Amino acid sequence: MWQEVWTAIVSESSDIPDLSTKTRIVMRVVLANSGWRYQLVVQLDNLMEDSR
């Protein structure tokens, strides 16, 4: 199974020219994901605060 996952990742990223570009893309995805989670936590905290 993991071999299939790795093969899919490699084939989907084959058009990315170099390691620095791949690293930049990964970092943007990670930061976007963490920002989304942070906003969700803040909104949930605000809702909990309002319900008190």
N, C-alpha and C. Protein backbone atom coordinates (compact mmCIF):
# COMPACT_ATOMS: atom_id res chain seq x y z
N MET A 1 0.82 -1.20 0.00
CA MET A 1 0.00 0.00 0.00
C MET A 1 0.86 1.26 0.00
N TRP A 2 1.87 1.33 0.89
CA TRP A 2 2.69 2.53 0.97
C TRP A 2 3.48 2.75 -0.31
N GLN A 3 3.84 1.66 -0.98
CA GLN A 3 4.53 1.78 -2.26
C GLN A 3 3.63 2.45 -3.29
N GLU A 4 2.35 2.13 -3.28
CA GLU A 4 1.40 2.76 -4.20
C GLU A 4 1.24 4.24 -3.88
N VAL A 5 1.20 4.56 -2.59
CA VAL A 5 1.09 5.97 -2.18
C VAL A 5 2.32 6.74 -2.66
N TRP A 6 3.50 6.17 -2.42
CA TRP A 6 4.74 6.83 -2.82
C TRP A 6 4.80 7.01 -4.33
N THR A 7 4.39 5.98 -5.08
CA THR A 7 4.38 6.05 -6.54
C THR A 7 3.45 7.17 -7.02
N ALA A 8 2.29 7.30 -6.39
CA ALA A 8 1.35 8.37 -6.75
C ALA A 8 1.94 9.74 -6.45
N ILE A 9 2.59 9.88 -5.30
CA ILE A 9 3.21 11.17 -4.94
C ILE A 9 4.28 11.54 -5.94
N VAL A 10 5.13 10.59 -6.28
CA VAL A 10 6.22 10.86 -7.23
C VAL A 10 5.66 11.21 -8.60
N SER A 11 4.66 10.48 -9.06
CA SER A 11 4.12 10.76 -10.39
C SER A 11 3.39 12.09 -10.44
N GLU A 12 2.70 12.46 -9.37
CA GLU A 12 1.97 13.73 -9.34
C GLU A 12 2.90 14.94 -9.21
N SER A 13 4.09 14.73 -8.70
CA SER A 13 5.01 15.85 -8.52
C SER A 13 6.14 15.84 -9.55
N SER A 14 6.01 15.02 -10.57
CA SER A 14 7.09 14.91 -11.55
C SER A 14 7.28 16.18 -12.38
N ASP A 15 6.26 17.02 -12.45
CA ASP A 15 6.38 18.26 -13.23
C ASP A 15 7.01 19.40 -12.44
N ILE A 16 7.29 19.19 -11.15
CA ILE A 16 7.95 20.20 -10.33
C ILE A 16 9.45 20.07 -10.56
N PRO A 17 10.10 21.15 -10.99
CA PRO A 17 11.47 21.03 -11.52
C PRO A 17 12.57 20.69 -10.53
N ASP A 18 12.51 21.21 -9.32
CA ASP A 18 13.64 20.99 -8.42
C ASP A 18 13.19 20.90 -6.96
N LEU A 19 14.13 20.53 -6.12
CA LEU A 19 13.82 20.30 -4.71
C LEU A 19 13.39 21.58 -4.00
N SER A 20 13.98 22.71 -4.36
CA SER A 20 13.61 23.96 -3.67
C SER A 20 12.15 24.32 -3.96
N THR A 21 11.68 24.08 -5.16
CA THR A 21 10.28 24.35 -5.49
C THR A 21 9.36 23.39 -4.75
N LYS A 22 9.74 22.11 -4.69
CA LYS A 22 8.94 21.13 -3.94
C LYS A 22 8.87 21.52 -2.47
N THR A 23 9.99 21.95 -1.91
CA THR A 23 10.03 22.36 -0.51
C THR A 23 9.12 23.56 -0.28
N ARG A 24 9.16 24.53 -1.18
CA ARG A 24 8.31 25.73 -1.06
C ARG A 24 6.83 25.34 -1.08
N ILE A 25 6.46 24.43 -1.96
CA ILE A 25 5.07 24.01 -2.06
C ILE A 25 4.63 23.31 -0.77
N VAL A 26 5.47 22.41 -0.27
CA VAL A 26 5.14 21.69 0.97
C VAL A 26 4.99 22.67 2.13
N MET A 27 5.90 23.62 2.23
CA MET A 27 5.82 24.60 3.32
C MET A 27 4.55 25.44 3.24
N ARG A 28 4.15 25.83 2.04
CA ARG A 28 2.91 26.61 1.90
C ARG A 28 1.69 25.80 2.29
N VAL A 29 1.68 24.52 1.93
CA VAL A 29 0.55 23.66 2.31
C VAL A 29 0.50 23.49 3.83
N VAL A 30 1.65 23.24 4.44
CA VAL A 30 1.71 23.06 5.90
C VAL A 30 1.27 24.34 6.61
N LEU A 31 1.77 25.48 6.16
CA LEU A 31 1.41 26.74 6.81
C LEU A 31 -0.06 27.07 6.61
N ALA A 32 -0.58 26.79 5.42
CA ALA A 32 -2.01 27.04 5.18
C ALA A 32 -2.86 26.16 6.07
N ASN A 33 -2.46 24.92 6.24
CA ASN A 33 -3.20 24.00 7.09
C ASN A 33 -3.15 24.45 8.54
N SER A 34 -2.00 24.85 9.02
CA SER A 34 -1.90 25.28 10.42
C SER A 34 -2.67 26.58 10.65
N GLY A 35 -2.68 27.47 9.68
CA GLY A 35 -3.44 28.71 9.81
C GLY A 35 -4.93 28.45 9.87
N TRP A 36 -5.39 27.50 9.07
CA TRP A 36 -6.80 27.12 9.06
C TRP A 36 -7.19 26.54 10.41
N ARG A 37 -6.34 25.68 10.95
CA ARG A 37 -6.63 25.09 12.25
C ARG A 37 -6.63 26.14 13.35
N TYR A 38 -5.70 27.08 13.28
CA TYR A 38 -5.64 28.13 14.29
C TYR A 38 -6.93 28.96 14.26
N GLN A 39 -7.39 29.32 13.08
CA GLN A 39 -8.62 30.11 12.96
C GLN A 39 -9.81 29.34 13.52
N LEU A 40 -9.86 28.04 13.28
CA LEU A 40 -10.94 27.23 13.81
C LEU A 40 -10.92 27.22 15.33
N VAL A 41 -9.75 27.07 15.92
CA VAL A 41 -9.63 27.06 17.38
C VAL A 41 -10.05 28.41 17.95
N VAL A 42 -9.64 29.49 17.33
CA VAL A 42 -10.01 30.82 17.80
C VAL A 42 -11.52 31.00 17.75
N GLN A 43 -12.14 30.57 16.65
CA GLN A 43 -13.59 30.71 16.53
C GLN A 43 -14.31 29.85 17.57
N LEU A 44 -13.83 28.65 17.80
CA LEU A 44 -14.44 27.80 18.82
C LEU A 44 -14.29 28.40 20.22
N ASP A 45 -13.12 28.97 20.49
CA ASP A 45 -12.92 29.64 21.78
C ASP A 45 -13.88 30.80 21.94
N ASN A 46 -14.08 31.56 20.88
CA ASN A 46 -15.01 32.69 20.94
C ASN A 46 -16.44 32.21 21.19
N LEU A 47 -16.82 31.13 20.55
CA LEU A 47 -18.16 30.58 20.76
C LEU A 47 -18.34 30.10 22.20
N MET A 48 -17.33 29.46 22.73
CA MET A 48 -17.40 28.99 24.11
C MET A 48 -17.48 30.17 25.07
N GLU A 49 -16.74 31.21 24.78
CA GLU A 49 -16.75 32.41 25.62
C GLU A 49 -18.12 33.07 25.59
N ASP A 50 -18.75 33.14 24.42
CA ASP A 50 -20.05 33.76 24.27
C ASP A 50 -21.16 32.97 24.98
N SER A 51 -20.99 31.67 25.06
CA SER A 51 -22.04 30.83 25.66
C SER A 51 -22.00 30.87 27.19
N ARG A 52 -20.98 31.45 27.77
CA ARG A 52 -20.88 31.51 29.24
C ARG A 52 -21.68 32.62 29.83
